[in-house]
Amino acid sequence: MAKSIRCIAVDDEPLALALLADYIQKVPYLELVGATSQVLEALSLIQQDKVDLVFLDIQMPELTGMQFLRLTHGKCKAILTTAYPQYALEGYEYDVLDYLLKPIDFERFVKAVQKAAGYSRPEQVEPANTGEMPDFIFLKVGQKIRKVDLSDILYVEGLKDYVSVYTLTERILTLQTMKKIEDILPAPRFVRVHKSYLVALDKIDYIERQRIFIKITPSRLAIRTKTILCVLQR
């Protein structure tokens, strides 16, 4: 049997911590090493090489998640957890596997840990396709099937049973769910920053308070992640 992935959950919210511990114990190839709100305890376990994967809250009283990651010196992989999606983007500077937006559902949790399984247990992963990954997707628009280049996509907005795909030149409305489009768009190139928004990381210009500004000239599109409002800044 393949070696289990040793996990620790770090969160200052007891309910969130209990939920993560419960989820970890439900996945057969995950082993719960600890669940703690004490960052020094977590760091000690990591420094002793007892942890393969940490589920890490971004906003904590003693240390932020980013400060914590710097102190681990890359000794283990990380999946970020947060109720504040605007902060999650910083984690990709530290090569995190994924981030989970609170409240976390079990299906999304499993999807994240499958990435960890790919890193920790390569013998369990399907053989890689020797061909290159496609740089486009197909979307159904009315009676047509549209080919859309990934490099053209700025962000995606969820609208119940539909999604709006905003590209450099147009808005494409397609009968699709956010979950399905999230599965189609490759991570971490595209990041879900809110339950209603997916953003192309390479199109982000900067983040200010609750808004993400997209690099597009001569104007910038901004997403208000809390008010779920998209506005045009001139």
Foldseek 3Di string as FASTA:
>chain_A
DDAAAEEEEEDPDVVQQVVVVVLQVVDVRYDYPYGYPDLVVVLVCLVVLNHAEYEEEQDHDPDGPVVSLVSSVPSHAYEYEYCQLLVVLVCVVSVHQYYAHPPGDSVVVVVSVVSVCCVPPVVPDDDDDPDDDDQWDWFDAPPDIDIGGVVFWFKWFADPQWIWTDGLPDITIGRHGPVVVVVVDDPPQWHDSANGMIGGSVQFDDDDDQWTWGDHPPWTWIARRPVRDIDIGD
